C-alpha atoms as a PDB file:
ATOM      1  CA  MET A   1     143.400  65.153  89.797  1.00  0.00           C
ATOM      2  CA  GLN A   2     141.243  65.368  92.653  1.00  0.00           C
ATOM      3  CA  PHE A   3     137.868  67.241  93.642  1.00  0.00           C
ATOM      4  CA  VAL A   4     137.840  68.846  96.719  1.00  0.00           C
ATOM      5  CA  LEU A   5     134.524  69.964  98.622  1.00  0.00           C
ATOM      6  CA  GLY A   6     133.898  72.829 100.554  1.00  0.00           C
ATOM      7  CA  VAL A   7     137.570  74.570  99.661  1.00  0.00           C
ATOM      8  CA  VAL A   8     136.214  78.779  99.028  1.00  0.00           C
ATOM      9  CA  SER A   9     139.079  80.126 101.185  1.00  0.00           C
ATOM     10  CA  HIS A  10     142.283  79.075  99.481  1.00  0.00           C
ATOM     11  CA  ALA A  11     144.607  82.083  97.981  1.00  0.00           C
ATOM     12  CA  SER A  12     144.035  80.234  94.529  1.00  0.00           C
ATOM     13  CA  VAL A  13     140.346  79.641  94.595  1.00  0.00           C
ATOM     14  CA  VAL A  14     139.661  83.550  95.946  1.00  0.00           C
ATOM     15  CA  LYS A  15     141.748  84.480  92.889  1.00  0.00           C
ATOM     16  CA  MET A  16     140.174  82.851  90.949  1.00  0.00           C
ATOM     17  CA  LEU A  17     136.606  83.577  91.896  1.00  0.00           C
ATOM     18  CA  GLU A  18     137.592  87.577  91.705  1.00  0.00           C
ATOM     19  CA  GLN A  19     138.828  87.134  88.233  1.00  0.00           C
ATOM     20  CA  HIS A  20     135.713  85.527  87.606  1.00  0.00           C
ATOM     21  CA  LEU A  21     133.496  88.174  89.281  1.00  0.00           C
ATOM     22  CA  GLU A  22     135.358  90.516  87.025  1.00  0.00           C
ATOM     23  CA  ASP A  23     134.995  88.780  83.834  1.00  0.00           C
ATOM     24  CA  MET A  24     131.120  88.868  84.623  1.00  0.00           C
ATOM     25  CA  TYR A  25     131.098  92.324  85.481  1.00  0.00           C
ATOM     26  CA  ALA A  26     133.275  93.364  82.311  1.00  0.00           C
ATOM     27  CA  THR A  27     130.899  91.413  80.316  1.00  0.00           C
ATOM     28  CA  SER A  28     127.221  92.001  81.382  1.00  0.00           C
ATOM     29  CA  PRO A  29     125.216  95.129  82.874  1.00  0.00           C
ATOM     30  CA  PRO A  30     125.781  94.806  86.665  1.00  0.00           C
ATOM     31  CA  GLU A  31     121.616  94.211  86.957  1.00  0.00           C
ATOM     32  CA  SER A  32     122.388  90.834  84.772  1.00  0.00           C
ATOM     33  CA  VAL A  33     125.428  89.291  86.624  1.00  0.00           C
ATOM     34  CA  HIS A  34     124.233  86.503  89.221  1.00  0.00           C
ATOM     35  CA  ALA A  35     127.607  85.104  90.164  1.00  0.00           C
ATOM     36  CA  LEU A  36     128.312  84.337  93.680  1.00  0.00           C
ATOM     37  CA  ASP A  37     130.742  85.789  95.938  1.00  0.00           C
ATOM     38  CA  LEU A  38     132.811  84.743  98.551  1.00  0.00           C
ATOM     39  CA  SER A  39     130.312  85.005 101.598  1.00  0.00           C
ATOM     40  CA  GLU A  40     127.492  83.476  99.060  1.00  0.00           C
ATOM     41  CA  LEU A  41     129.310  80.282  98.072  1.00  0.00           C
ATOM     42  CA  LYS A  42     129.919  79.514 102.247  1.00  0.00           C
ATOM     43  CA  GLN A  43     126.479  79.263 102.609  1.00  0.00           C
ATOM     44  CA  ASP A  44     124.493  75.874 103.696  1.00  0.00           C
ATOM     45  CA  ASP A  45     122.472  75.348 100.170  1.00  0.00           C
ATOM     46  CA  ILE A  46     125.748  75.352  98.386  1.00  0.00           C
ATOM     47  CA  ARG A  47     127.464  72.513  97.570  1.00  0.00           C
ATOM     48  CA  PHE A  48     131.338  74.139  96.094  1.00  0.00           C
ATOM     49  CA  TRP A  49     133.776  72.026  94.429  1.00  0.00           C
ATOM     50  CA  THR A  50     137.217  72.435  93.616  1.00  0.00           C
ATOM     51  CA  LEU A  51     139.622  70.288  91.556  1.00  0.00           C
ATOM     52  CA  TRP A  52     142.931  70.167  91.523  1.00  0.00           C
ATOM     53  CA  GLU A  53     146.163  68.706  90.068  1.00  0.00           C
ATOM     54  CA  ALA A  54     148.288  68.102  92.750  1.00  0.00           C
ATOM     55  CA  ASP A  55     148.684  71.734  94.250  1.00  0.00           C
ATOM     56  CA  ARG A  56     147.644  73.483  91.089  1.00  0.00           C
ATOM     57  CA  LEU A  57     143.737  74.823  90.892  1.00  0.00           C
ATOM     58  CA  CYS A  58     142.083  73.567  87.828  1.00  0.00           C
ATOM     59  CA  GLY A  59     138.894  74.769  88.226  1.00  0.00           C
ATOM     60  CA  CYS A  60     135.695  75.273  90.008  1.00  0.00           C
ATOM     61  CA  GLY A  61     131.740  74.979  90.274  1.00  0.00           C
ATOM     62  CA  ALA A  62     128.673  75.037  92.527  1.00  0.00           C
ATOM     63  CA  ILE A  63     125.203  73.415  92.897  1.00  0.00           C
ATOM     64  CA  LYS A  64     123.012  75.672  94.639  1.00  0.00           C
ATOM     65  CA  ARG A  65     119.924  74.030  96.350  1.00  0.00           C
ATOM     66  CA  LEU A  66     116.837  75.588  95.241  1.00  0.00           C
ATOM     67  CA  SER A  67     114.247  72.770  96.035  1.00  0.00           C
ATOM     68  CA  PRO A  68     114.900  69.056  97.548  1.00  0.00           C
ATOM     69  CA  GLU A  69     114.840  68.050  93.798  1.00  0.00           C
ATOM     70  CA  HIS A  70     116.068  71.086  91.595  1.00  0.00           C
ATOM     71  CA  GLY A  71     119.406  72.517  91.916  1.00  0.00           C
ATOM     72  CA  GLU A  72     121.307  75.241  89.854  1.00  0.00           C
ATOM     73  CA  LEU A  73     124.475  75.375  88.470  1.00  0.00           C
ATOM     74  CA  LYS A  74     127.024  78.323  89.968  1.00  0.00           C
ATOM     75  CA  SER A  75     130.453  79.288  89.818  1.00  0.00           C
ATOM     76  CA  MET A  76     131.581  77.083  86.932  1.00  0.00           C
ATOM     77  CA  ARG A  77     135.515  78.921  85.921  1.00  0.00           C
ATOM     78  CA  VAL A  78     138.200  77.030  84.472  1.00  0.00           C
ATOM     79  CA  ALA A  79     142.123  77.807  85.397  1.00  0.00           C
ATOM     80  CA  ASN A  80     143.030  79.702  82.223  1.00  0.00           C
ATOM     81  CA  TYR A  81     146.046  77.098  81.915  1.00  0.00           C
ATOM     82  CA  TYR A  82     143.326  74.298  81.760  1.00  0.00           C
ATOM     83  CA  ARG A  83     141.165  75.784  79.478  1.00  0.00           C
ATOM     84  CA  GLN A  84     140.577  73.506  76.192  1.00  0.00           C
ATOM     85  CA  ARG A  85     141.816  70.354  77.821  1.00  0.00           C
ATOM     86  CA  GLY A  86     138.021  69.450  78.820  1.00  0.00           C
ATOM     87  CA  ILE A  87     138.398  70.481  82.660  1.00  0.00           C
ATOM     88  CA  GLY A  88     135.117  72.288  82.176  1.00  0.00           C
ATOM     89  CA  ALA A  89     133.260  69.001  80.965  1.00  0.00           C
ATOM     90  CA  ARG A  90     135.247  66.857  84.087  1.00  0.00           C
ATOM     91  CA  ILE A  91     133.872  69.228  86.269  1.00  0.00           C
ATOM     92  CA  LEU A  92     129.920  69.365  84.952  1.00  0.00           C
ATOM     93  CA  HIS A  93     130.469  65.591  84.728  1.00  0.00           C
ATOM     94  CA  HIS A  94     131.231  65.700  88.880  1.00  0.00           C
ATOM     95  CA  LEU A  95     128.434  68.234  89.272  1.00  0.00           C
ATOM     96  CA  GLN A  96     125.756  66.353  87.695  1.00  0.00           C
ATOM     97  CA  ALA A  97     126.636  63.212  89.689  1.00  0.00           C
ATOM     98  CA  ASP A  98     126.733  65.124  93.022  1.00  0.00           C
ATOM     99  CA  ALA A  99     123.233  66.628  92.563  1.00  0.00           C
ATOM    100  CA  ALA A 100     122.047  63.066  91.851  1.00  0.00           C
ATOM    101  CA  GLN A 101     123.728  61.421  94.560  1.00  0.00           C
ATOM    102  CA  ASN A 102     121.581  64.347  96.954  1.00  0.00           C
ATOM    103  CA  GLY A 103     118.470  63.462  95.585  1.00  0.00           C
ATOM    104  CA  MET A 104     118.163  66.269  93.151  1.00  0.00           C
ATOM    105  CA  THR A 105     116.394  65.159  90.017  1.00  0.00           C
ATOM    106  CA  ARG A 106     116.543  68.547  87.993  1.00  0.00           C
ATOM    107  CA  LEU A 107     119.577  70.763  87.358  1.00  0.00           C
ATOM    108  CA  SER A 108     119.126  74.662  85.973  1.00  0.00           C
ATOM    109  CA  LEU A 109     121.780  77.468  84.953  1.00  0.00           C
ATOM    110  CA  GLU A 110     121.535  80.832  83.855  1.00  0.00           C
ATOM    111  CA  THR A 111     124.439  82.373  81.699  1.00  0.00           C
ATOM    112  CA  GLY A 112     125.269  85.500  79.444  1.00  0.00           C
ATOM    113  CA  SER A 113     123.547  85.504  76.033  1.00  0.00           C
ATOM    114  CA  MET A 114     126.592  87.649  74.672  1.00  0.00           C
ATOM    115  CA  SER A 115     129.335  85.640  72.658  1.00  0.00           C
ATOM    116  CA  PHE A 116     132.006  85.909  75.786  1.00  0.00           C
ATOM    117  CA  PHE A 117     129.312  82.605  77.112  1.00  0.00           C
ATOM    118  CA  LEU A 118     129.169  80.693  73.829  1.00  0.00           C
ATOM    119  CA  PRO A 119     131.749  78.190  74.739  1.00  0.00           C
ATOM    120  CA  ALA A 120     129.640  77.769  77.974  1.00  0.00           C
ATOM    121  CA  ARG A 121     126.507  77.158  76.488  1.00  0.00           C
ATOM    122  CA  ARG A 122     128.290  75.116  73.912  1.00  0.00           C
ATOM    123  CA  LEU A 123     129.178  72.977  77.159  1.00  0.00           C
ATOM    124  CA  TYR A 124     125.730  72.799  78.409  1.00  0.00           C
ATOM    125  CA  GLN A 125     124.261  72.022  74.793  1.00  0.00           C
ATOM    126  CA  LYS A 126     126.592  68.894  74.707  1.00  0.00           C
ATOM    127  CA  PHE A 127     125.502  67.618  78.224  1.00  0.00           C
ATOM    128  CA  GLY A 128     121.933  67.898  77.475  1.00  0.00           C
ATOM    129  CA  PHE A 129     121.034  71.087  78.839  1.00  0.00           C
ATOM    130  CA  LEU A 130     117.649  72.723  76.900  1.00  0.00           C
ATOM    131  CA  GLU A 131     117.119  76.403  77.200  1.00  0.00           C
ATOM    132  CA  CYS A 132     114.125  76.980  79.347  1.00  0.00           C
ATOM    133  CA  ALA A 133     112.187  80.079  81.043  1.00  0.00           C
ATOM    134  CA  PRO A 134     113.270  81.797  83.979  1.00  0.00           C
ATOM    135  CA  PHE A 135     113.456  79.908  86.983  1.00  0.00           C
ATOM    136  CA  GLY A 136     113.497  80.528  90.510  1.00  0.00           C
ATOM    137  CA  ARG A 137     114.087  83.811  91.570  1.00  0.00           C
ATOM    138  CA  TYR A 138     115.014  85.031  87.981  1.00  0.00           C
ATOM    139  CA  GLN A 139     112.910  87.119  85.337  1.00  0.00           C
ATOM    140  CA  ASP A 140     113.149  87.284  81.652  1.00  0.00           C
ATOM    141  CA  ASP A 141     116.447  89.472  80.625  1.00  0.00           C
ATOM    142  CA  PRO A 142     117.969  89.544  77.426  1.00  0.00           C
ATOM    143  CA  ASN A 143     121.220  88.942  78.903  1.00  0.00           C
ATOM    144  CA  SER A 144     120.754  85.654  80.295  1.00  0.00           C
ATOM    145  CA  VAL A 145     120.297  82.463  78.974  1.00  0.00           C
ATOM    146  CA  PHE A 146     118.453  79.848  80.936  1.00  0.00           C
ATOM    147  CA  MET A 147     118.891  76.137  80.820  1.00  0.00           C
ATOM    148  CA  THR A 148     117.638  73.075  82.488  1.00  0.00           C
ATOM    149  CA  LYS A 149     118.222  69.441  82.204  1.00  0.00           C
ATOM    150  CA  ARG A 150     116.568  66.401  83.950  1.00  0.00           C
ATOM    151  CA  LEU A 151     118.594  64.144  85.604  1.00  0.00           C
END
């Protein structure tokens, strides 16, 4: 398996990100959906990573730089075929290492409070993320859980 930086426009990636947004809007009220679209993932303050097995997309994740020392995890997604195979952990480990290598000392995230998001919250907790207050431009929202970790 291989990580690749910046491949947002590949057809497999576009399809996965469209599915990601569909799931977010099917699960959360529109005002509580904070997932990034394709154009936002191409911004200079985003490092978007994909994980591939040969030519098959396994998953993706991104880091949005909030300040020189603080990043936000975005667009974490594992392809259905690869779920329950440790791919989410592999992507999260890679994103943390990339953030640290780029000078960040803290990573934060927003995820949903609904049961749909429980596997994601458990993964983040396993990696040492703790619940926290809203950060950046976020506001208190009963549909959101905010988490952070010092690197």
